[in-house]
C-alpha atoms as a PDB file:
ATOM      1  CA  MET A   1     343.529 263.947  11.755  1.00  0.00           C
ATOM      2  CA  ASN A   2     342.429 262.950  15.475  1.00  0.00           C
ATOM      3  CA  GLU A   3     344.960 260.165  16.957  1.00  0.00           C
ATOM      4  CA  GLN A   4     341.950 257.519  17.436  1.00  0.00           C
ATOM      5  CA  ILE A   5     341.564 257.777  13.615  1.00  0.00           C
ATOM      6  CA  LYS A   6     345.815 257.351  13.064  1.00  0.00           C
ATOM      7  CA  GLN A   7     345.450 254.419  15.419  1.00  0.00           C
ATOM      8  CA  ILE A   8     342.805 252.467  13.842  1.00  0.00           C
ATOM      9  CA  ALA A   9     344.775 253.199  10.690  1.00  0.00           C
ATOM     10  CA  GLU A  10     347.694 251.100  11.995  1.00  0.00           C
ATOM     11  CA  ARG A  11     345.548 248.520  12.781  1.00  0.00           C
ATOM     12  CA  LEU A  12     344.508 248.112   9.693  1.00  0.00           C
ATOM     13  CA  ARG A  13     348.181 248.240   8.120  1.00  0.00           C
ATOM     14  CA  GLY A  14     349.120 245.438  10.915  1.00  0.00           C
ATOM     15  CA  LEU A  15     346.225 243.015  10.190  1.00  0.00           C
ATOM     16  CA  ARG A  16     346.968 243.218   6.497  1.00  0.00           C
ATOM     17  CA  GLU A  17     350.290 243.366   7.091  1.00  0.00           C
ATOM     18  CA  ALA A  18     350.226 240.098   9.355  1.00  0.00           C
ATOM     19  CA  LEU A  19     348.457 238.547   6.322  1.00  0.00           C
ATOM     20  CA  GLN A  20     350.612 239.378   3.752  1.00  0.00           C
ATOM     21  CA  LEU A  21     348.101 240.699   1.875  1.00  0.00           C
ATOM     22  CA  PRO A  22     348.114 243.479  -1.070  1.00  0.00           C
ATOM     23  CA  VAL A  23     346.529 246.804  -0.553  1.00  0.00           C
ATOM     24  CA  GLU A  24     344.442 245.739  -3.892  1.00  0.00           C
ATOM     25  CA  ASP A  25     343.510 242.113  -2.285  1.00  0.00           C
ATOM     26  CA  VAL A  26     342.093 243.402   0.728  1.00  0.00           C
ATOM     27  CA  ALA A  27     339.449 246.216  -0.912  1.00  0.00           C
ATOM     28  CA  ASN A  28     338.360 243.648  -3.225  1.00  0.00           C
ATOM     29  CA  GLU A  29     337.790 240.944  -0.608  1.00  0.00           C
ATOM     30  CA  CYS A  30     335.843 243.724   1.798  1.00  0.00           C
ATOM     31  CA  ASP A  31     333.927 245.458  -1.225  1.00  0.00           C
ATOM     32  CA  ILE A  32     335.707 248.619  -0.753  1.00  0.00           C
ATOM     33  CA  PRO A  33     337.083 251.268  -3.416  1.00  0.00           C
ATOM     34  CA  LEU A  34     340.944 251.178  -3.101  1.00  0.00           C
ATOM     35  CA  GLY A  35     341.270 254.975  -2.950  1.00  0.00           C
ATOM     36  CA  GLN A  36     339.032 254.865  -0.653  1.00  0.00           C
ATOM     37  CA  TYR A  37     341.119 251.686   1.555  1.00  0.00           C
ATOM     38  CA  ARG A  38     344.444 253.668   0.907  1.00  0.00           C
ATOM     39  CA  GLU A  39     343.103 256.770   2.769  1.00  0.00           C
ATOM     40  CA  ALA A  40     341.560 254.339   5.940  1.00  0.00           C
ATOM     41  CA  GLU A  41     345.268 253.131   6.087  1.00  0.00           C
ATOM     42  CA  SER A  42     346.998 256.601   5.834  1.00  0.00           C
ATOM     43  CA  GLY A  43     345.254 257.716   8.962  1.00  0.00           C
ATOM     44  CA  GLU A  44     344.354 261.182   7.561  1.00  0.00           C
ATOM     45  CA  THR A  45     340.768 260.322   6.807  1.00  0.00           C
ATOM     46  CA  ASP A  46     337.754 259.639   8.312  1.00  0.00           C
ATOM     47  CA  ILE A  47     337.098 255.340   8.703  1.00  0.00           C
ATOM     48  CA  SER A  48     333.217 254.328   8.902  1.00  0.00           C
ATOM     49  CA  VAL A  49     332.557 252.250  11.446  1.00  0.00           C
ATOM     50  CA  SER A  50     330.532 249.858   7.938  1.00  0.00           C
ATOM     51  CA  MET A  51     334.334 250.110   6.547  1.00  0.00           C
ATOM     52  CA  LEU A  52     335.745 248.771   9.911  1.00  0.00           C
ATOM     53  CA  GLN A  53     332.348 246.240  10.305  1.00  0.00           C
ATOM     54  CA  LYS A  54     333.277 244.499   6.571  1.00  0.00           C
ATOM     55  CA  ILE A  55     337.068 244.279   7.461  1.00  0.00           C
ATOM     56  CA  ALA A  56     336.127 242.796  10.797  1.00  0.00           C
ATOM     57  CA  HIS A  57     333.912 240.421   9.453  1.00  0.00           C
ATOM     58  CA  ARG A  58     335.988 238.860   6.112  1.00  0.00           C
ATOM     59  CA  TYR A  59     339.130 238.410   8.770  1.00  0.00           C
ATOM     60  CA  GLN A  60     337.055 236.764  11.474  1.00  0.00           C
ATOM     61  CA  ILE A  61     337.995 239.793  13.889  1.00  0.00           C
ATOM     62  CA  SER A  62     336.021 241.457  16.300  1.00  0.00           C
ATOM     63  CA  LEU A  63     334.936 244.901  15.070  1.00  0.00           C
ATOM     64  CA  ASP A  64     336.827 245.977  18.801  1.00  0.00           C
ATOM     65  CA  GLU A  65     339.957 244.875  17.882  1.00  0.00           C
ATOM     66  CA  LEU A  66     339.543 247.172  14.603  1.00  0.00           C
ATOM     67  CA  MET A  67     338.220 250.223  16.929  1.00  0.00           C
ATOM     68  CA  PHE A  68     339.540 249.640  20.229  1.00  0.00           C
ATOM     69  CA  ASP A  69     343.114 247.560  19.968  1.00  0.00           C
ATOM     70  CA  GLU A  70     340.773 245.565  22.632  1.00  0.00           C
ATOM     71  CA  GLU A  71     339.890 241.738  22.191  1.00  0.00           C
ATOM     72  CA  PRO A  72     336.713 240.585  24.194  1.00  0.00           C
ATOM     73  CA  LYS A  73     336.777 238.398  26.732  1.00  0.00           C
ATOM     74  CA  MET A  74     333.135 237.967  28.201  1.00  0.00           C
ATOM     75  CA  THR A  75     330.904 234.867  27.721  1.00  0.00           C
ATOM     76  CA  SER A  76     328.112 234.955  29.512  1.00  0.00           C
ATOM     77  CA  TYR A  77     327.737 238.638  30.512  1.00  0.00           C
ATOM     78  CA  PHE A  78     329.052 241.940  29.969  1.00  0.00           C
ATOM     79  CA  LEU A  79     327.824 245.263  31.358  1.00  0.00           C
ATOM     80  CA  THR A  80     328.796 248.835  30.643  1.00  0.00           C
ATOM     81  CA  ARG A  81     327.823 251.667  33.169  1.00  0.00           C
ATOM     82  CA  ALA A  82     326.305 254.313  32.068  1.00  0.00           C
ATOM     83  CA  GLY A  83     328.895 256.676  30.149  1.00  0.00           C
ATOM     84  CA  LYS A  84     331.921 254.332  30.651  1.00  0.00           C
ATOM     85  CA  GLY A  85     331.527 252.327  27.417  1.00  0.00           C
ATOM     86  CA  VAL A  86     335.239 252.478  25.479  1.00  0.00           C
ATOM     87  CA  SER A  87     334.562 255.197  23.013  1.00  0.00           C
ATOM     88  CA  ILE A  88     336.181 256.544  19.686  1.00  0.00           C
ATOM     89  CA  GLU A  89     335.262 259.968  17.982  1.00  0.00           C
ATOM     90  CA  ARG A  90     335.853 259.508  14.328  1.00  0.00           C
ATOM     91  CA  THR A  91     335.432 263.059  13.885  1.00  0.00           C
ATOM     92  CA  LYS A  92     334.209 266.353  15.790  1.00  0.00           C
ATOM     93  CA  ALA A  93     331.085 265.427  14.690  1.00  0.00           C
ATOM     94  CA  TYR A  94     330.414 261.610  15.175  1.00  0.00           C
ATOM     95  CA  LYS A  95     331.494 260.082  18.669  1.00  0.00           C
ATOM     96  CA  TYR A  96     330.680 256.543  18.642  1.00  0.00           C
ATOM     97  CA  GLN A  97     330.595 254.752  22.001  1.00  0.00           C
ATOM     98  CA  SER A  98     330.944 251.004  22.314  1.00  0.00           C
ATOM     99  CA  LEU A  99     327.834 248.912  24.596  1.00  0.00           C
ATOM    100  CA  ALA A 100     329.194 245.628  24.350  1.00  0.00           C
ATOM    101  CA  SER A 101     332.731 245.800  23.588  1.00  0.00           C
ATOM    102  CA  GLY A 102     333.878 243.342  25.992  1.00  0.00           C
ATOM    103  CA  PHE A 103     331.178 240.195  24.919  1.00  0.00           C
ATOM    104  CA  LYS A 104     332.617 237.446  22.662  1.00  0.00           C
ATOM    105  CA  GLY A 105     331.680 236.427  19.734  1.00  0.00           C
ATOM    106  CA  ARG A 106     328.399 238.629  19.846  1.00  0.00           C
ATOM    107  CA  VAL A 107     325.916 238.713  17.167  1.00  0.00           C
ATOM    108  CA  ALA A 108     324.877 242.290  17.000  1.00  0.00           C
ATOM    109  CA  ASP A 109     327.084 245.826  17.698  1.00  0.00           C
ATOM    110  CA  PRO A 110     325.428 248.199  20.393  1.00  0.00           C
ATOM    111  CA  PHE A 111     326.559 251.713  19.801  1.00  0.00           C
ATOM    112  CA  LEU A 112     325.676 254.809  21.527  1.00  0.00           C
ATOM    113  CA  VAL A 113     326.021 257.313  18.726  1.00  0.00           C
ATOM    114  CA  VAL A 114     326.080 261.516  19.006  1.00  0.00           C
ATOM    115  CA  VAL A 115     325.995 263.444  15.755  1.00  0.00           C
ATOM    116  CA  GLU A 116     327.105 267.119  16.129  1.00  0.00           C
ATOM    117  CA  PRO A 117     325.401 269.729  13.818  1.00  0.00           C
ATOM    118  CA  ASN A 118     327.414 270.877  10.918  1.00  0.00           C
ATOM    119  CA  ASP A 119     326.995 272.043   7.380  1.00  0.00           C
ATOM    120  CA  ASN A 120     328.739 269.358   5.578  1.00  0.00           C
ATOM    121  CA  PRO A 121     327.028 267.125   3.485  1.00  0.00           C
ATOM    122  CA  ILE A 122     326.107 263.502   4.358  1.00  0.00           C
ATOM    123  CA  CYS A 123     328.114 260.949   4.179  1.00  0.00           C
ATOM    124  CA  TYR A 124     326.825 257.182   3.388  1.00  0.00           C
ATOM    125  CA  ASN A 125     328.215 254.415   4.365  1.00  0.00           C
ATOM    126  CA  SER A 126     326.659 250.371   3.808  1.00  0.00           C
ATOM    127  CA  HIS A 127     327.691 247.573   5.327  1.00  0.00           C
ATOM    128  CA  LYS A 128     326.353 243.891   5.609  1.00  0.00           C
ATOM    129  CA  GLY A 129     323.491 243.393   7.707  1.00  0.00           C
ATOM    130  CA  GLN A 130     320.745 245.377   9.529  1.00  0.00           C
ATOM    131  CA  GLU A 131     320.284 247.932  11.485  1.00  0.00           C
ATOM    132  CA  PHE A 132     317.759 249.609  14.338  1.00  0.00           C
ATOM    133  CA  ASN A 133     318.543 252.671  14.921  1.00  0.00           C
ATOM    134  CA  MET A 134     316.540 254.999  17.965  1.00  0.00           C
ATOM    135  CA  VAL A 135     316.684 258.665  18.907  1.00  0.00           C
ATOM    136  CA  ILE A 136     317.372 258.774  22.853  1.00  0.00           C
ATOM    137  CA  SER A 137     317.478 263.204  22.372  1.00  0.00           C
ATOM    138  CA  GLY A 138     317.610 265.858  19.413  1.00  0.00           C
ATOM    139  CA  SER A 139     316.279 264.872  16.183  1.00  0.00           C
ATOM    140  CA  MET A 140     318.048 263.279  12.615  1.00  0.00           C
ATOM    141  CA  LEU A 141     317.557 263.163   9.193  1.00  0.00           C
ATOM    142  CA  LEU A 142     318.424 259.574   8.832  1.00  0.00           C
ATOM    143  CA  CYS A 143     318.588 259.102   4.775  1.00  0.00           C
ATOM    144  CA  ILE A 144     317.982 255.541   3.327  1.00  0.00           C
ATOM    145  CA  ASN A 145     318.657 254.718  -0.396  1.00  0.00           C
ATOM    146  CA  GLY A 146     317.423 257.786  -1.572  1.00  0.00           C
ATOM    147  CA  ASN A 147     314.638 257.892   1.155  1.00  0.00           C
ATOM    148  CA  GLU A 148     314.593 260.664   3.677  1.00  0.00           C
ATOM    149  CA  VAL A 149     313.032 260.109   7.130  1.00  0.00           C
ATOM    150  CA  THR A 150     313.121 262.704   9.854  1.00  0.00           C
ATOM    151  CA  LEU A 151     313.085 260.998  13.425  1.00  0.00           C
ATOM    152  CA  GLY A 152     313.044 262.776  16.347  1.00  0.00           C
ATOM    153  CA  GLU A 153     313.276 261.776  20.335  1.00  0.00           C
ATOM    154  CA  GLY A 154     311.871 258.273  20.968  1.00  0.00           C
ATOM    155  CA  ASP A 155     311.242 257.064  17.692  1.00  0.00           C
ATOM    156  CA  CYS A 156     313.061 254.001  16.006  1.00  0.00           C
ATOM    157  CA  ILE A 157     313.759 252.493  12.793  1.00  0.00           C
ATOM    158  CA  TYR A 158     314.814 249.501  11.482  1.00  0.00           C
ATOM    159  CA  PHE A 159     316.381 248.954   7.643  1.00  0.00           C
ATOM    160  CA  ASP A 160     318.232 247.123   5.606  1.00  0.00           C
ATOM    161  CA  SER A 161     322.056 248.005   6.229  1.00  0.00           C
ATOM    162  CA  LYS A 162     323.199 246.887   2.939  1.00  0.00           C
ATOM    163  CA  GLN A 163     321.104 250.065   1.537  1.00  0.00           C
ATOM    164  CA  PRO A 164     323.226 253.655   1.163  1.00  0.00           C
ATOM    165  CA  HIS A 165     322.376 255.235   4.538  1.00  0.00           C
ATOM    166  CA  GLY A 166     323.776 258.760   6.188  1.00  0.00           C
ATOM    167  CA  MET A 167     322.429 260.920   9.033  1.00  0.00           C
ATOM    168  CA  LYS A 168     322.797 264.414  10.084  1.00  0.00           C
ATOM    169  CA  ALA A 169     321.640 266.296  13.379  1.00  0.00           C
ATOM    170  CA  LEU A 170     318.845 268.503  12.706  1.00  0.00           C
ATOM    171  CA  ASN A 171     318.206 272.074  14.823  1.00  0.00           C
ATOM    172  CA  ARG A 172     321.551 273.553  15.304  1.00  0.00           C
ATOM    173  CA  GLU A 173     321.156 270.507  18.445  1.00  0.00           C
ATOM    174  CA  PRO A 174     323.531 267.432  18.752  1.00  0.00           C
ATOM    175  CA  VAL A 175     321.301 264.147  18.010  1.00  0.00           C
ATOM    176  CA  LYS A 176     322.588 260.964  20.787  1.00  0.00           C
ATOM    177  CA  PHE A 177     320.553 257.704  19.338  1.00  0.00           C
ATOM    178  CA  LEU A 178     321.369 254.273  19.956  1.00  0.00           C
ATOM    179  CA  ALA A 179     322.403 251.973  17.390  1.00  0.00           C
ATOM    180  CA  ILE A 180     322.477 248.602  16.962  1.00  0.00           C
ATOM    181  CA  ILE A 181     324.428 246.941  14.150  1.00  0.00           C
ATOM    182  CA  LEU A 182     323.310 243.044  12.755  1.00  0.00           C
END
């Protein structure tokens, strides 16, 4: 598995150990299946942003601390130059670039996401809050609680992210989109 995933797994384990919590407690408090949480801590499997968001929210730490091991410091504004956002490639299929990683206490997490085309089944996630997606290039199939929506360049959607949702790049081309998680 990718080195970044292993580092995130170490931070998850470190947080849990610092709080002196059993694995079962963290999984239960964050509404994550125990086996899935154990896999995340192992560093041998992909870790969804929605899982990290649940953990960060529950333990009142920033998502950046779990994803990038950096604590946000800016409070009036934070500038991200084109192509310079802190990024993580969860798997070869998904790359997330944080667009506001240095802003402390933010109420939304904006990401530039690139999903590579593949033949794998759609991986579904759910997390507290709402989400906004706007396609910048390419096209994607977005499934939300059993509903399928095809989005092309310039299309956008806003939805309840507690609903199971997942996406897939279409036409054998990468899709790039802005995702704002609230």
